[in-house]
Amino acid sequence: MIEIKYFGAVAEKTKCEFEKLSFSEVSLQQLLQDLDEKYAFESLTFSVAVNQKIVSKTQEYQLQASDIVALLPPFAGG
């Protein structure tokens, strides 16, 4: 099972803070495409972290069954 955690506007859009999906093998890009089809993220800006490390949404990344993927709102700092 891959656990997906949602934060900020993404959590508001999905109406949940997390969900677990069963995949035997999936790329990060395929997962994001599936989630976009399910929730229509069209206007949302977010970063992606896999196992607490920020990764590029365009990077070819093969997910493992025990991975935790987080969709994070834009960061603001000072």
PDB file of N, CA and C in Angstrom:
ATOM      1  N   MET A   1       0.834  -1.203   0.000  1.00  0.00           N
ATOM      2  CA  MET A   1       0.000   0.000   0.000  1.00  0.00           C
ATOM      3  C   MET A   1       0.871   1.256   0.000  1.00  0.00           C
ATOM      4  N   ILE A   2       0.518   2.181  -0.835  1.00  0.00           N
ATOM      5  CA  ILE A   2       1.177   3.485  -0.836  1.00  0.00           C
ATOM      6  C   ILE A   2       0.265   4.450  -0.095  1.00  0.00           C
ATOM      7  N   GLU A   3       0.830   5.154   0.869  1.00  0.00           N
ATOM      8  CA  GLU A   3       0.038   6.126   1.626  1.00  0.00           C
ATOM      9  C   GLU A   3       0.257   7.500   1.014  1.00  0.00           C
ATOM     10  N   ILE A   4      -0.837   8.210   0.748  1.00  0.00           N
ATOM     11  CA  ILE A   4      -0.773   9.572   0.225  1.00  0.00           C
ATOM     12  C   ILE A   4      -1.335  10.501   1.278  1.00  0.00           C
ATOM     13  N   LYS A   5      -0.550  11.521   1.623  1.00  0.00           N
ATOM     14  CA  LYS A   5      -0.983  12.512   2.612  1.00  0.00           C
ATOM     15  C   LYS A   5      -1.222  13.836   1.892  1.00  0.00           C
ATOM     16  N   TYR A   6      -2.318  14.487   2.248  1.00  0.00           N
ATOM     17  CA  TYR A   6      -2.701  15.751   1.616  1.00  0.00           C
ATOM     18  C   TYR A   6      -2.645  16.872   2.650  1.00  0.00           C
ATOM     19  N   PHE A   7      -2.126  18.027   2.223  1.00  0.00           N
ATOM     20  CA  PHE A   7      -2.007  19.176   3.110  1.00  0.00           C
ATOM     21  C   PHE A   7      -2.556  20.418   2.419  1.00  0.00           C
ATOM     22  N   GLY A   8      -2.995  21.390   3.209  1.00  0.00           N
ATOM     23  CA  GLY A   8      -3.439  22.682   2.691  1.00  0.00           C
ATOM     24  C   GLY A   8      -4.584  22.575   1.704  1.00  0.00           C
ATOM     25  N   ALA A   9      -4.470  23.314   0.598  1.00  0.00           N
ATOM     26  CA  ALA A   9      -5.532  23.368  -0.414  1.00  0.00           C
ATOM     27  C   ALA A   9      -5.780  22.008  -1.054  1.00  0.00           C
ATOM     28  N   VAL A  10      -4.743  21.172  -1.110  1.00  0.00           N
ATOM     29  CA  VAL A  10      -4.923  19.836  -1.688  1.00  0.00           C
ATOM     30  C   VAL A  10      -5.845  19.008  -0.795  1.00  0.00           C
ATOM     31  N   ALA A  11      -5.669  19.107   0.520  1.00  0.00           N
ATOM     32  CA  ALA A  11      -6.547  18.398   1.464  1.00  0.00           C
ATOM     33  C   ALA A  11      -7.978  18.917   1.348  1.00  0.00           C
ATOM     34  N   GLU A  12      -8.125  20.228   1.160  1.00  0.00           N
ATOM     35  CA  GLU A  12      -9.468  20.798   0.998  1.00  0.00           C
ATOM     36  C   GLU A  12     -10.124  20.260  -0.279  1.00  0.00           C
ATOM     37  N   LYS A  13      -9.335  20.136  -1.347  1.00  0.00           N
ATOM     38  CA  LYS A  13      -9.864  19.658  -2.622  1.00  0.00           C
ATOM     39  C   LYS A  13     -10.270  18.182  -2.540  1.00  0.00           C
ATOM     40  N   THR A  14      -9.456  17.368  -1.871  1.00  0.00           N
ATOM     41  CA  THR A  14      -9.731  15.929  -1.783  1.00  0.00           C
ATOM     42  C   THR A  14     -10.732  15.595  -0.687  1.00  0.00           C
ATOM     43  N   LYS A  15     -10.941  16.543   0.220  1.00  0.00           N
ATOM     44  CA  LYS A  15     -11.829  16.356   1.378  1.00  0.00           C
ATOM     45  C   LYS A  15     -11.349  15.221   2.287  1.00  0.00           C
ATOM     46  N   CYS A  16     -10.026  14.995   2.287  1.00  0.00           N
ATOM     47  CA  CYS A  16      -9.437  14.034   3.219  1.00  0.00           C
ATOM     48  C   CYS A  16      -7.974  14.409   3.447  1.00  0.00           C
ATOM     49  N   GLU A  17      -7.425  13.936   4.551  1.00  0.00           N
ATOM     50  CA  GLU A  17      -6.035  14.242   4.869  1.00  0.00           C
ATOM     51  C   GLU A  17      -5.081  13.159   4.386  1.00  0.00           C
ATOM     52  N   PHE A  18      -5.589  11.946   4.193  1.00  0.00           N
ATOM     53  CA  PHE A  18      -4.738  10.881   3.674  1.00  0.00           C
ATOM     54  C   PHE A  18      -5.598   9.757   3.116  1.00  0.00           C
ATOM     55  N   GLU A  19      -4.971   8.933   2.303  1.00  0.00           N
ATOM     56  CA  GLU A  19      -5.613   7.712   1.826  1.00  0.00           C
ATOM     57  C   GLU A  19      -4.515   6.719   1.477  1.00  0.00           C
ATOM     58  N   LYS A  20      -4.875   5.456   1.471  1.00  0.00           N
ATOM     59  CA  LYS A  20      -3.939   4.403   1.115  1.00  0.00           C
ATOM     60  C   LYS A  20      -4.434   3.743  -0.163  1.00  0.00           C
ATOM     61  N   LEU A  21      -3.527   3.598  -1.117  1.00  0.00           N
ATOM     62  CA  LEU A  21      -3.877   2.998  -2.389  1.00  0.00           C
ATOM     63  C   LEU A  21      -3.023   1.759  -2.615  1.00  0.00           C
ATOM     64  N   SER A  22      -3.638   0.760  -3.194  1.00  0.00           N
ATOM     65  CA  SER A  22      -2.942  -0.489  -3.444  1.00  0.00           C
ATOM     66  C   SER A  22      -2.426  -0.522  -4.871  1.00  0.00           C
ATOM     67  N   PHE A  23      -1.109  -0.535  -5.013  1.00  0.00           N
ATOM     68  CA  PHE A  23      -0.455  -0.658  -6.308  1.00  0.00           C
ATOM     69  C   PHE A  23       0.638  -1.704  -6.169  1.00  0.00           C
ATOM     70  N   SER A  24       0.796  -2.538  -7.169  1.00  0.00           N
ATOM     71  CA  SER A  24       1.920  -3.463  -7.137  1.00  0.00           C
ATOM     72  C   SER A  24       3.179  -2.736  -7.633  1.00  0.00           C
ATOM     73  N   GLU A  25       2.982  -1.853  -8.609  1.00  0.00           N
ATOM     74  CA  GLU A  25       4.092  -1.089  -9.153  1.00  0.00           C
ATOM     75  C   GLU A  25       3.519   0.135  -9.852  1.00  0.00           C
ATOM     76  N   VAL A  26       4.008   1.314  -9.497  1.00  0.00           N
ATOM     77  CA  VAL A  26       3.505   2.535 -10.124  1.00  0.00           C
ATOM     78  C   VAL A  26       4.598   3.601 -10.052  1.00  0.00           C
ATOM     79  N   SER A  27       4.646   4.437 -11.078  1.00  0.00           N
ATOM     80  CA  SER A  27       5.586   5.559 -11.055  1.00  0.00           C
ATOM     81  C   SER A  27       4.905   6.749 -10.376  1.00  0.00           C
ATOM     82  N   LEU A  28       5.722   7.660  -9.900  1.00  0.00           N
ATOM     83  CA  LEU A  28       5.184   8.879  -9.282  1.00  0.00           C
ATOM     84  C   LEU A  28       4.323   9.630 -10.281  1.00  0.00           C
ATOM     85  N   GLN A  29       4.769   9.707 -11.535  1.00  0.00           N
ATOM     86  CA  GLN A  29       4.008  10.432 -12.552  1.00  0.00           C
ATOM     87  C   GLN A  29       2.644   9.791 -12.785  1.00  0.00           C
ATOM     88  N   GLN A  30       2.587   8.457 -12.813  1.00  0.00           N
ATOM     89  CA  GLN A  30       1.313   7.767 -13.012  1.00  0.00           C
ATOM     90  C   GLN A  30       0.382   7.992 -11.824  1.00  0.00           C
ATOM     91  N   LEU A  31       0.943   7.946 -10.618  1.00  0.00           N
ATOM     92  CA  LEU A  31       0.139   8.201  -9.419  1.00  0.00           C
ATOM     93  C   LEU A  31      -0.447   9.609  -9.457  1.00  0.00           C
ATOM     94  N   LEU A  32       0.386  10.599  -9.781  1.00  0.00           N
ATOM     95  CA  LEU A  32      -0.101  11.980  -9.843  1.00  0.00           C
ATOM     96  C   LEU A  32      -1.161  12.154 -10.925  1.00  0.00           C
ATOM     97  N   GLN A  33      -0.982  11.486 -12.048  1.00  0.00           N
ATOM     98  CA  GLN A  33      -1.988  11.556 -13.117  1.00  0.00           C
ATOM     99  C   GLN A  33      -3.309  10.938 -12.659  1.00  0.00           C
ATOM    100  N   ASP A  34      -3.227   9.791 -11.994  1.00  0.00           N
ATOM    101  CA  ASP A  34      -4.442   9.140 -11.479  1.00  0.00           C
ATOM    102  C   ASP A  34      -5.157  10.024 -10.463  1.00  0.00           C
ATOM    103  N   LEU A  35      -4.381  10.648  -9.573  1.00  0.00           N
ATOM    104  CA  LEU A  35      -4.986  11.525  -8.563  1.00  0.00           C
ATOM    105  C   LEU A  35      -5.603  12.763  -9.207  1.00  0.00           C
ATOM    106  N   ASP A  36      -4.949  13.293 -10.243  1.00  0.00           N
ATOM    107  CA  ASP A  36      -5.488  14.462 -10.944  1.00  0.00           C
ATOM    108  C   ASP A  36      -6.810  14.113 -11.628  1.00  0.00           C
ATOM    109  N   GLU A  37      -6.901  12.923 -12.198  1.00  0.00           N
ATOM    110  CA  GLU A  37      -8.158  12.495 -12.826  1.00  0.00           C
ATOM    111  C   GLU A  37      -9.256  12.326 -11.776  1.00  0.00           C
ATOM    112  N   LYS A  38      -8.888  11.852 -10.604  1.00  0.00           N
ATOM    113  CA  LYS A  38      -9.858  11.611  -9.537  1.00  0.00           C
ATOM    114  C   LYS A  38     -10.332  12.906  -8.877  1.00  0.00           C
ATOM    115  N   TYR A  39      -9.395  13.851  -8.649  1.00  0.00           N
ATOM    116  CA  TYR A  39      -9.716  15.053  -7.874  1.00  0.00           C
ATOM    117  C   TYR A  39      -9.678  16.361  -8.665  1.00  0.00           C
ATOM    118  N   ALA A  40      -9.245  16.348  -9.914  1.00  0.00           N
ATOM    119  CA  ALA A  40      -9.165  17.558 -10.755  1.00  0.00           C
ATOM    120  C   ALA A  40      -8.370  18.671 -10.078  1.00  0.00           C
ATOM    121  N   PHE A  41      -7.072  18.454  -9.968  1.00  0.00           N
ATOM    122  CA  PHE A  41      -6.169  19.419  -9.323  1.00  0.00           C
ATOM    123  C   PHE A  41      -5.819  20.608 -10.210  1.00  0.00           C
ATOM    124  N   GLU A  42      -6.504  20.799 -11.331  1.00  0.00           N
ATOM    125  CA  GLU A  42      -6.109  21.725 -12.380  1.00  0.00           C
ATOM    126  C   GLU A  42      -5.466  23.044 -11.931  1.00  0.00           C
ATOM    127  N   SER A  43      -6.011  23.722 -10.962  1.00  0.00           N
ATOM    128  CA  SER A  43      -5.486  25.040 -10.597  1.00  0.00           C
ATOM    129  C   SER A  43      -4.631  25.014  -9.326  1.00  0.00           C
ATOM    130  N   LEU A  44      -4.390  23.852  -8.774  1.00  0.00           N
ATOM    131  CA  LEU A  44      -3.621  23.774  -7.531  1.00  0.00           C
ATOM    132  C   LEU A  44      -2.121  23.711  -7.795  1.00  0.00           C
ATOM    133  N   THR A  45      -1.381  24.426  -6.964  1.00  0.00           N
ATOM    134  CA  THR A  45       0.067  24.360  -7.000  1.00  0.00           C
ATOM    135  C   THR A  45       0.517  23.619  -5.751  1.00  0.00           C
ATOM    136  N   PHE A  46       1.336  22.596  -5.943  1.00  0.00           N
ATOM    137  CA  PHE A  46       1.816  21.839  -4.788  1.00  0.00           C
ATOM    138  C   PHE A  46       3.151  21.180  -5.104  1.00  0.00           C
ATOM    139  N   SER A  47       3.879  20.886  -4.054  1.00  0.00           N
ATOM    140  CA  SER A  47       5.125  20.139  -4.159  1.00  0.00           C
ATOM    141  C   SER A  47       4.853  18.705  -3.743  1.00  0.00           C
ATOM    142  N   VAL A  48       5.764  17.830  -4.116  1.00  0.00           N
ATOM    143  CA  VAL A  48       5.617  16.417  -3.787  1.00  0.00           C
ATOM    144  C   VAL A  48       6.820  15.957  -2.980  1.00  0.00           C
ATOM    145  N   ALA A  49       6.545  15.236  -1.904  1.00  0.00           N
ATOM    146  CA  ALA A  49       7.607  14.616  -1.114  1.00  0.00           C
ATOM    147  C   ALA A  49       7.346  13.116  -1.073  1.00  0.00           C
ATOM    148  N   VAL A  50       8.417  12.355  -1.205  1.00  0.00           N
ATOM    149  CA  VAL A  50       8.334  10.899  -1.074  1.00  0.00           C
ATOM    150  C   VAL A  50       9.228  10.524   0.105  1.00  0.00           C
ATOM    151  N   ASN A  51       8.617   9.918   1.110  1.00  0.00           N
ATOM    152  CA  ASN A  51       9.349   9.536   2.322  1.00  0.00           C
ATOM    153  C   ASN A  51      10.106  10.722   2.925  1.00  0.00           C
ATOM    154  N   GLN A  52       9.419  11.856   2.992  1.00  0.00           N
ATOM    155  CA  GLN A  52       9.880  13.097   3.612  1.00  0.00           C
ATOM    156  C   GLN A  52      11.011  13.797   2.861  1.00  0.00           C
ATOM    157  N   LYS A  53      11.178  13.487   1.573  1.00  0.00           N
ATOM    158  CA  LYS A  53      12.164  14.172   0.743  1.00  0.00           C
ATOM    159  C   LYS A  53      11.444  14.752  -0.468  1.00  0.00           C
ATOM    160  N   ILE A  54      11.630  16.061  -0.688  1.00  0.00           N
ATOM    161  CA  ILE A  54      11.005  16.730  -1.829  1.00  0.00           C
ATOM    162  C   ILE A  54      11.587  16.152  -3.124  1.00  0.00           C
ATOM    163  N   VAL A  55      10.709  15.802  -4.048  1.00  0.00           N
ATOM    164  CA  VAL A  55      11.135  15.294  -5.358  1.00  0.00           C
ATOM    165  C   VAL A  55      10.422  16.089  -6.442  1.00  0.00           C
ATOM    166  N   SER A  56      11.022  16.113  -7.617  1.00  0.00           N
ATOM    167  CA  SER A  56      10.424  16.800  -8.751  1.00  0.00           C
ATOM    168  C   SER A  56       9.246  15.981  -9.279  1.00  0.00           C
ATOM    169  N   LYS A  57       8.178  16.672  -9.617  1.00  0.00           N
ATOM    170  CA  LYS A  57       7.004  15.986 -10.171  1.00  0.00           C
ATOM    171  C   LYS A  57       7.301  15.403 -11.547  1.00  0.00           C
ATOM    172  N   THR A  58       8.347  15.916 -12.207  1.00  0.00           N
ATOM    173  CA  THR A  58       8.685  15.436 -13.546  1.00  0.00           C
ATOM    174  C   THR A  58       9.768  14.358 -13.519  1.00  0.00           C
ATOM    175  N   GLN A  59      10.370  14.151 -12.358  1.00  0.00           N
ATOM    176  CA  GLN A  59      11.423  13.135 -12.237  1.00  0.00           C
ATOM    177  C   GLN A  59      10.836  11.736 -12.369  1.00  0.00           C
ATOM    178  N   GLU A  60      11.521  10.873 -13.096  1.00  0.00           N
ATOM    179  CA  GLU A  60      11.075   9.485 -13.224  1.00  0.00           C
ATOM    180  C   GLU A  60      11.394   8.785 -11.909  1.00  0.00           C
ATOM    181  N   TYR A  61      10.362   8.460 -11.160  1.00  0.00           N
ATOM    182  CA  TYR A  61      10.551   7.896  -9.820  1.00  0.00           C
ATOM    183  C   TYR A  61       9.602   6.721  -9.650  1.00  0.00           C
ATOM    184  N   GLN A  62      10.138   5.552  -9.416  1.00  0.00           N
ATOM    185  CA  GLN A  62       9.327   4.348  -9.224  1.00  0.00           C
ATOM    186  C   GLN A  62       8.986   4.209  -7.743  1.00  0.00           C
ATOM    187  N   LEU A  63       7.710   4.183  -7.411  1.00  0.00           N
ATOM    188  CA  LEU A  63       7.282   4.072  -6.021  1.00  0.00           C
ATOM    189  C   LEU A  63       7.291   2.624  -5.554  1.00  0.00           C
ATOM    190  N   GLN A  64       7.578   2.449  -4.283  1.00  0.00           N
ATOM    191  CA  GLN A  64       7.555   1.137  -3.646  1.00  0.00           C
ATOM    192  C   GLN A  64       6.287   1.043  -2.790  1.00  0.00           C
ATOM    193  N   ALA A  65       5.884  -0.173  -2.469  1.00  0.00           N
ATOM    194  CA  ALA A  65       4.636  -0.397  -1.737  1.00  0.00           C
ATOM    195  C   ALA A  65       4.613   0.265  -0.366  1.00  0.00           C
ATOM    196  N   SER A  66       5.768   0.482   0.246  1.00  0.00           N
ATOM    197  CA  SER A  66       5.805   1.064   1.593  1.00  0.00           C
ATOM    198  C   SER A  66       6.021   2.574   1.603  1.00  0.00           C
ATOM    199  N   ASP A  67       6.051   3.212   0.422  1.00  0.00           N
ATOM    200  CA  ASP A  67       6.336   4.650   0.342  1.00  0.00           C
ATOM    201  C   ASP A  67       5.180   5.496   0.870  1.00  0.00           C
ATOM    202  N   ILE A  68       5.561   6.666   1.376  1.00  0.00           N
ATOM    203  CA  ILE A  68       4.586   7.673   1.796  1.00  0.00           C
ATOM    204  C   ILE A  68       4.801   8.892   0.898  1.00  0.00           C
ATOM    205  N   VAL A  69       3.742   9.265   0.186  1.00  0.00           N
ATOM    206  CA  VAL A  69       3.794  10.407  -0.728  1.00  0.00           C
ATOM    207  C   VAL A  69       2.978  11.530  -0.098  1.00  0.00           C
ATOM    208  N   ALA A  70       3.567  12.726  -0.026  1.00  0.00           N
ATOM    209  CA  ALA A  70       2.860  13.883   0.531  1.00  0.00           C
ATOM    210  C   ALA A  70       2.718  14.950  -0.548  1.00  0.00           C
ATOM    211  N   LEU A  71       1.533  15.512  -0.664  1.00  0.00           N
ATOM    212  CA  LEU A  71       1.281  16.635  -1.568  1.00  0.00           C
ATOM    213  C   LEU A  71       1.198  17.874  -0.692  1.00  0.00           C
ATOM    214  N   LEU A  72       2.169  18.766  -0.879  1.00  0.00           N
ATOM    215  CA  LEU A  72       2.375  19.889   0.037  1.00  0.00           C
ATOM    216  C   LEU A  72       2.049  21.225  -0.612  1.00  0.00           C
ATOM    217  N   PRO A  73       1.450  22.157   0.145  1.00  0.00           N
ATOM    218  CA  PRO A  73       1.154  23.482  -0.395  1.00  0.00           C
ATOM    219  C   PRO A  73       2.460  24.250  -0.612  1.00  0.00           C
ATOM    220  N   PRO A  74       2.394  25.325  -1.389  1.00  0.00           N
ATOM    221  CA  PRO A  74       3.603  26.154  -1.568  1.00  0.00           C
ATOM    222  C   PRO A  74       4.106  26.667  -0.218  1.00  0.00           C
ATOM    223  N   PHE A  75       5.411  26.744  -0.096  1.00  0.00           N
ATOM    224  CA  PHE A  75       5.998  27.200   1.160  1.00  0.00           C
ATOM    225  C   PHE A  75       6.231  28.700   1.091  1.00  0.00           C
ATOM    226  N   ALA A  76       6.015  29.362   2.203  1.00  0.00           N
ATOM    227  CA  ALA A  76       6.326  30.790   2.323  1.00  0.00           C
ATOM    228  C   ALA A  76       7.302  30.918   3.487  1.00  0.00           C
ATOM    229  N   GLY A  77       8.220  31.804   3.353  1.00  0.00           N
ATOM    230  CA  GLY A  77       9.205  31.927   4.422  1.00  0.00           C
ATOM    231  C   GLY A  77       9.600  33.368   4.630  1.00  0.00           C
ATOM    232  N   GLY A  78      10.352  33.541   5.652  1.00  0.00           N
ATOM    233  CA  GLY A  78      10.778  34.899   5.925  1.00  0.00           C
ATOM    234  C   GLY A  78      12.096  34.907   6.622  1.00  0.00           C
TER     235      GLY A  78
END
